[in-house]
Amino acid sequence: MKLPAFAHVYLVRHAQMALNSLGRLYRAPLASLMTAAVIGIALALPAGLYLLTGNLQRLSTQWDGGANLSVFLRHDVSVTQAQTLKHKLEDWPEIEKLQLITPQQALSEFREMSGFGDALDILDENPLPVVLAIKPVSTSAAGATSAASLLERLKKLPQVELAQLDLQWVKRFNAIVDIARRTIWVIATLLGLAVLLITGNTIRLEIQNRRDEIEITKLIGATGAFIRRPFLYSGLWYGLSGALLAAVLVELAFLQLDDPVRRLAGLYQSGFNLQTLSFAESLALLAGGGFLGLLGAWLAVGRHLAAIEPG
C-alpha cells in the first residue's frame, strides 16, 4: 500500500529530525554519556528493586517446608492404619506431597538431633505417635487460605489427634513484600521526577546554546512544531539511552549475584536461581525511559522556547 505524498513527506521529515538530533548527541559524546548515565542510574534502582522483590516472592513459593502441615495421629492408630490413611489422603487435590513418619523414625531422628540418646534409652515405650508431613499444593499468598481450609478438613478426621500449620511467616513475608513493592513505586515516582528534571535541564541548556539559531529560524517563518521537533527527539534519545543503560546495569548486577545465590540455594538443596529482566519487562523499561525523556523535553521546550523571540 502506497502512502499519500503528504504522509510520505511528513515521515521523511520526522526521520531526518530524529537522525539529526541523534547526530548532535553523537558529536558531544561525553556530555551525552553523562546525561544518559545519570538517567540510567535513576531508572536502574527501581528496576533492580522490582526484580529483587519478584525473585523473593518466587523464592517464597519454592521454599519447601514453608507452609507444611504436621498431622499427629492418635496413639491407638497403628502404622498399618496410618498407611491406609496416607493412601486415602494422596488422592486429595489439595495435597502436593505426603510423607509418613513412623514412631521409630521420629524417635531415631530425635535421638540424633537432640543428643539425649542416654535419656531416651530408659524409656519403656516409644511415646511418639505416627506423623503425616503434608505439603499443600501452593504456599503462595493465594494458597494460604486453601492451606487453612485443608487444615480444618484434616482436623475432622477421626484418626487425627492434632494438626498444625504455621502460616504466620507466610503472611508476614507477603506483607513485607507488599510494603516493599509500595516503597518501590514511591521511589520510582521520585526518580521518575528526577529523570524529568535531568532531561528538562539538559534540553534547556541546549535551547540556550542554540538561541541564535532558533531566532533565525523563527525569522524565516518556521512553525513552532518545526522548531520543537529536534529538542523533543533529543529528549527521546536521552530517555531511551538511559533506559538501555539501566537494563545493562541491572543485568550486570544480577549476573554478579547469580553465582553466590546458586551456591547458597544449593546448601538448602534448592535449584533456585535469580531471574533477570524478561523481554517484555525490558521493552517496558525502554518505553518508560523514552516517555520520561520525551515528557521532560516537552516541558522544557514549552517553557523556554516561547521566551525566545527575534530581536
Protein backbone atom coordinates (compact mmCIF):
# COMPACT_ATOMS: atom_id res chain seq x y z
CA MET A 1 0.00 0.00 0.00
CA LYS A 2 1.49 3.31 -1.14
CA LEU A 3 1.40 6.22 1.29
CA PRO A 4 -0.01 9.59 0.16
CA ALA A 5 2.61 12.18 -0.80
CA PHE A 6 1.98 14.41 2.24
CA ALA A 7 2.26 11.43 4.64
CA HIS A 8 5.49 10.32 2.98
CA VAL A 9 6.97 13.84 3.32
CA TYR A 10 5.82 14.04 6.94
CA LEU A 11 7.50 10.76 7.84
CA VAL A 12 10.69 11.69 5.99
CA ARG A 13 10.95 14.99 7.87
CA HIS A 14 10.47 13.24 11.19
CA ALA A 15 13.13 10.69 10.29
CA GLN A 16 15.51 13.48 9.31
CA MET A 17 14.90 15.30 12.58
CA ALA A 18 15.38 12.10 14.58
CA LEU A 19 18.68 11.30 12.88
CA ASN A 20 19.82 14.93 13.10
CA SER A 21 19.17 15.07 16.85
CA LEU A 22 20.90 11.72 17.29
CA GLY A 23 23.88 13.06 15.34
CA ARG A 24 24.10 16.07 17.68
CA LEU A 25 24.30 13.74 20.67
CA TYR A 26 26.96 11.68 18.90
CA ARG A 27 29.07 14.81 18.26
CA ALA A 28 29.07 15.55 22.00
CA PRO A 29 29.75 12.04 23.35
CA LEU A 30 30.97 12.96 26.84
CA ALA A 31 28.06 15.25 27.71
CA SER A 32 25.55 12.84 26.17
CA LEU A 33 27.04 9.86 28.00
CA MET A 34 26.98 11.67 31.35
CA THR A 35 23.32 12.61 30.92
CA ALA A 36 22.40 9.08 29.83
CA ALA A 37 24.39 7.64 32.75
CA VAL A 38 22.53 9.75 35.32
CA ILE A 39 19.18 8.78 33.78
CA GLY A 40 20.28 5.13 33.63
CA ILE A 41 21.23 5.04 37.30
CA ALA A 42 17.93 6.69 38.25
CA LEU A 43 15.99 4.06 36.27
CA ALA A 44 18.17 1.11 37.31
CA LEU A 45 17.43 1.48 41.03
CA PRO A 46 13.63 0.93 40.89
CA ALA A 47 14.03 -1.66 38.12
CA GLY A 48 16.54 -3.62 40.22
CA LEU A 49 14.38 -3.41 43.34
CA TYR A 50 11.35 -4.55 41.35
CA LEU A 51 13.26 -7.61 40.12
CA LEU A 52 14.56 -8.31 43.62
CA THR A 53 11.09 -8.38 45.17
CA GLY A 54 9.86 -10.56 42.31
CA ASN A 55 12.64 -13.06 42.99
CA LEU A 56 11.88 -13.01 46.71
CA GLN A 57 8.22 -13.68 46.01
CA ARG A 58 9.18 -16.57 43.75
CA LEU A 59 11.53 -17.90 46.43
CA SER A 60 8.71 -17.96 48.98
CA THR A 61 6.66 -20.21 46.71
CA GLN A 62 9.62 -22.59 46.17
CA TRP A 63 10.73 -22.83 49.80
CA ASP A 64 9.94 -26.40 50.77
CA GLY A 65 8.52 -26.55 54.27
CA GLY A 66 7.17 -23.02 54.17
CA ALA A 67 3.55 -23.87 54.90
CA ASN A 68 3.80 -27.60 55.62
CA LEU A 69 1.25 -29.29 57.84
CA SER A 70 2.14 -31.70 60.60
CA VAL A 71 -0.65 -34.16 61.36
CA PHE A 72 -0.22 -36.17 64.59
CA LEU A 73 -2.34 -39.32 64.69
CA ARG A 74 -3.90 -40.84 67.79
CA HIS A 75 -1.71 -43.25 69.79
CA ASP A 76 -4.08 -46.13 69.13
CA VAL A 77 -3.63 -45.75 65.34
CA SER A 78 -1.22 -48.40 64.09
CA VAL A 79 1.30 -47.95 61.29
CA THR A 80 -0.82 -50.13 59.01
CA GLN A 81 -3.89 -47.97 59.64
CA ALA A 82 -1.73 -44.88 59.07
CA GLN A 83 -0.58 -46.31 55.72
CA THR A 84 -4.21 -46.78 54.70
CA LEU A 85 -4.98 -43.19 55.68
CA LYS A 86 -1.92 -42.00 53.76
CA HIS A 87 -3.11 -43.66 50.54
CA LYS A 88 -6.52 -42.08 51.02
CA LEU A 89 -5.09 -38.59 51.54
CA GLU A 90 -2.85 -38.86 48.49
CA ASP A 91 -5.99 -38.65 46.36
CA TRP A 92 -6.90 -35.25 47.80
CA PRO A 93 -6.26 -32.50 45.20
CA GLU A 94 -5.17 -30.01 47.89
CA ILE A 95 -2.14 -32.14 48.81
CA GLU A 96 1.02 -31.98 46.70
CA LYS A 97 3.28 -34.28 48.73
CA LEU A 98 2.73 -36.51 51.76
CA GLN A 99 5.24 -38.35 53.93
CA LEU A 100 4.50 -40.83 56.71
CA ILE A 101 6.86 -40.77 59.68
CA THR A 102 6.64 -43.81 61.95
CA PRO A 103 7.24 -43.52 65.70
CA GLN A 104 10.54 -45.41 65.28
CA GLN A 105 11.73 -42.99 62.59
CA ALA A 106 10.70 -39.97 64.63
CA LEU A 107 12.46 -41.28 67.75
CA SER A 108 15.62 -42.08 65.79
CA GLU A 109 15.70 -38.62 64.24
CA PHE A 110 15.07 -37.00 67.62
CA ARG A 111 17.87 -39.07 69.14
CA GLU A 112 20.35 -37.88 66.51
CA MET A 113 19.38 -34.22 66.64
CA SER A 114 18.78 -33.75 70.36
CA GLY A 115 21.80 -35.51 71.86
CA PHE A 116 19.63 -37.12 74.56
CA GLY A 117 20.31 -40.68 73.48
CA ASP A 118 21.09 -41.96 77.01
CA ALA A 119 17.92 -40.44 78.44
CA LEU A 120 15.81 -41.97 75.69
CA ASP A 121 17.22 -45.44 76.39
CA ILE A 122 15.45 -45.61 79.74
CA LEU A 123 12.00 -45.22 78.18
CA ASP A 124 9.84 -48.32 78.39
CA GLU A 125 7.92 -47.49 75.23
CA ASN A 126 8.03 -45.01 72.36
CA PRO A 127 5.82 -42.04 73.29
CA LEU A 128 5.79 -40.56 69.79
CA PRO A 129 2.75 -41.06 67.51
CA VAL A 130 2.63 -41.62 63.78
CA VAL A 131 3.05 -38.30 61.96
CA LEU A 132 1.97 -37.28 58.47
CA ALA A 133 4.04 -34.46 56.96
CA ILE A 134 1.88 -32.80 54.31
CA LYS A 135 2.85 -30.16 51.78
CA PRO A 136 -0.16 -28.26 50.34
CA VAL A 137 -0.36 -27.59 46.63
CA SER A 138 0.59 -23.92 47.00
CA THR A 139 2.46 -21.94 49.67
CA SER A 140 1.95 -18.59 47.99
CA ALA A 141 -0.19 -15.80 49.39
CA ALA A 142 -3.12 -17.04 47.31
CA GLY A 143 -2.65 -20.55 48.70
CA ALA A 144 -2.69 -19.52 52.35
CA THR A 145 -6.50 -19.69 52.53
CA SER A 146 -6.64 -23.11 50.85
CA ALA A 147 -3.95 -24.42 53.23
CA ALA A 148 -6.00 -23.24 56.20
CA SER A 149 -9.09 -24.95 54.76
CA LEU A 150 -7.09 -28.14 54.31
CA LEU A 151 -6.03 -27.93 57.96
CA GLU A 152 -9.64 -27.71 59.13
CA ARG A 153 -10.57 -30.68 56.95
CA LEU A 154 -7.74 -32.78 58.39
CA LYS A 155 -8.72 -31.95 61.95
CA LYS A 156 -12.12 -33.57 61.38
CA LEU A 157 -10.61 -36.98 60.58
CA PRO A 158 -11.21 -39.47 63.43
CA GLN A 159 -7.61 -40.74 63.32
CA VAL A 160 -6.15 -37.26 63.89
CA GLU A 161 -5.14 -36.13 67.37
CA LEU A 162 -3.56 -32.81 66.39
CA ALA A 163 -2.95 -30.94 63.12
CA GLN A 164 -0.71 -27.88 62.97
CA LEU A 165 0.01 -25.30 60.28
CA ASP A 166 2.22 -22.26 60.74
CA LEU A 167 1.16 -19.62 58.23
CA GLN A 168 2.35 -16.66 60.24
CA TRP A 169 5.68 -16.41 58.43
CA VAL A 170 3.90 -16.63 55.05
CA LYS A 171 1.55 -13.80 55.97
CA ARG A 172 4.37 -11.70 57.41
CA PHE A 173 6.63 -12.32 54.44
CA ASN A 174 3.94 -11.36 51.93
CA ALA A 175 3.09 -8.28 53.98
CA ILE A 176 6.76 -7.28 53.90
CA VAL A 177 6.91 -7.87 50.13
CA ASP A 178 3.75 -5.78 49.67
CA ILE A 179 5.30 -2.94 51.66
CA ALA A 180 8.48 -3.27 49.60
CA ARG A 181 6.51 -3.08 46.35
CA ARG A 182 4.69 0.05 47.50
CA THR A 183 8.00 1.57 48.57
CA ILE A 184 9.44 0.79 45.13
CA TRP A 185 6.55 2.62 43.48
CA VAL A 186 7.24 5.66 45.66
CA ILE A 187 10.97 5.50 44.82
CA ALA A 188 10.18 5.01 41.13
CA THR A 189 7.90 8.06 41.17
CA LEU A 190 10.55 10.24 42.82
CA LEU A 191 13.28 9.03 40.48
CA GLY A 192 10.93 9.49 37.52
CA LEU A 193 10.58 13.13 38.54
CA ALA A 194 14.36 13.29 38.76
CA VAL A 195 14.61 11.99 35.18
CA LEU A 196 12.17 14.71 34.08
CA LEU A 197 14.29 17.37 35.77
CA ILE A 198 17.54 16.00 34.34
CA THR A 199 16.16 15.83 30.80
CA GLY A 200 14.44 19.19 31.11
CA ASN A 201 17.57 20.91 32.36
CA THR A 202 19.68 19.33 29.59
CA ILE A 203 17.21 20.46 26.92
CA ARG A 204 17.07 23.94 28.49
CA LEU A 205 20.85 24.26 28.17
CA GLU A 206 20.65 23.05 24.58
CA ILE A 207 17.98 25.64 23.82
CA GLN A 208 20.15 28.39 25.28
CA ASN A 209 23.17 27.22 23.28
CA ARG A 210 21.12 27.31 20.08
CA ARG A 211 19.36 30.59 20.83
CA ASP A 212 20.72 32.40 17.78
CA GLU A 213 19.78 29.51 15.51
CA ILE A 214 16.25 29.47 16.93
CA GLU A 215 15.84 33.23 16.41
CA ILE A 216 16.95 32.98 12.77
CA THR A 217 14.65 30.01 12.21
CA LYS A 218 11.71 31.99 13.57
CA LEU A 219 12.61 34.99 11.36
CA ILE A 220 12.33 32.92 8.21
CA GLY A 221 8.87 31.72 9.24
CA ALA A 222 9.44 28.29 10.76
CA THR A 223 6.49 26.92 12.70
CA GLY A 224 6.66 26.19 16.42
CA ALA A 225 6.28 22.46 15.76
CA PHE A 226 9.25 22.50 13.39
CA ILE A 227 11.43 24.25 15.99
CA ARG A 228 10.34 22.00 18.85
CA ARG A 229 10.82 18.75 16.96
CA PRO A 230 14.64 18.30 17.26
CA PHE A 231 14.57 19.05 21.00
CA LEU A 232 11.78 16.55 21.56
CA TYR A 233 13.74 13.89 19.70
CA SER A 234 16.81 14.73 21.78
CA GLY A 235 14.79 14.10 24.94
CA LEU A 236 13.54 10.83 23.49
CA TRP A 237 17.09 9.69 22.69
CA TYR A 238 18.27 10.64 26.19
CA GLY A 239 15.45 8.62 27.74
CA LEU A 240 16.00 5.59 25.52
CA SER A 241 19.77 5.56 26.01
CA GLY A 242 19.33 5.95 29.78
CA ALA A 243 16.82 3.09 29.88
CA LEU A 244 19.14 0.90 27.81
CA LEU A 245 21.99 1.65 30.19
CA ALA A 246 19.69 0.88 33.14
CA ALA A 247 18.87 -2.52 31.67
CA VAL A 248 22.59 -3.25 31.23
CA LEU A 249 23.34 -2.17 34.82
CA VAL A 250 20.57 -4.39 36.21
CA GLU A 251 21.77 -7.36 34.15
CA LEU A 252 25.35 -6.88 35.33
CA ALA A 253 24.28 -6.53 38.97
CA PHE A 254 22.20 -9.71 38.90
CA LEU A 255 24.95 -11.51 37.00
CA GLN A 256 27.30 -10.76 39.89
CA LEU A 257 24.73 -12.07 42.39
CA ASP A 258 23.71 -15.16 40.43
CA ASP A 259 26.62 -17.44 41.35
CA PRO A 260 26.56 -16.72 45.14
CA VAL A 261 22.77 -17.19 45.17
CA ARG A 262 23.11 -20.53 43.36
CA ARG A 263 25.69 -21.74 45.89
CA LEU A 264 23.52 -20.63 48.82
CA ALA A 265 20.45 -22.31 47.32
CA GLY A 266 22.49 -25.48 46.80
CA LEU A 267 23.23 -25.62 50.52
CA TYR A 268 19.46 -25.86 51.10
CA GLN A 269 19.01 -28.46 48.31
CA SER A 270 17.17 -25.92 46.17
CA GLY A 271 17.51 -25.19 42.48
CA PHE A 272 16.55 -21.54 42.91
CA ASN A 273 18.24 -19.03 40.62
CA LEU A 274 17.78 -15.33 40.04
CA GLN A 275 15.62 -14.19 37.16
CA THR A 276 16.57 -11.00 35.34
CA LEU A 277 14.54 -8.74 33.08
CA SER A 278 12.30 -10.56 30.66
CA PHE A 279 11.85 -9.33 27.09
CA ALA A 280 8.51 -7.70 27.98
CA GLU A 281 10.00 -6.04 31.07
CA SER A 282 12.95 -4.76 29.03
CA LEU A 283 10.56 -3.26 26.49
CA ALA A 284 8.55 -1.67 29.31
CA LEU A 285 11.74 -0.16 30.76
CA LEU A 286 12.73 1.25 27.36
CA ALA A 287 9.23 2.61 26.78
CA GLY A 288 9.17 4.18 30.25
CA GLY A 289 12.58 5.78 29.79
CA GLY A 290 11.68 7.10 26.33
CA PHE A 291 8.39 8.51 27.63
CA LEU A 292 10.07 10.27 30.57
CA GLY A 293 12.75 11.73 28.30
CA LEU A 294 10.17 12.93 25.80
CA LEU A 295 7.97 14.39 28.54
CA GLY A 296 10.91 16.19 30.17
CA ALA A 297 11.92 17.66 26.82
CA TRP A 298 8.34 18.73 26.07
CA LEU A 299 8.05 20.54 29.40
CA ALA A 300 11.39 22.31 28.89
CA VAL A 301 10.58 23.29 25.32
CA GLY A 302 7.14 24.59 26.25
CA ARG A 303 8.61 26.77 29.00
CA HIS A 304 11.81 28.11 27.46
CA LEU A 305 11.28 28.11 23.70
CA ALA A 306 8.36 30.57 23.82
CA ALA A 307 10.57 33.09 25.62
CA ILE A 308 12.92 33.33 22.64
CA GLU A 309 11.76 35.89 20.10
CA PRO A 310 13.73 37.54 17.29
CA GLY A 311 15.21 40.86 18.41
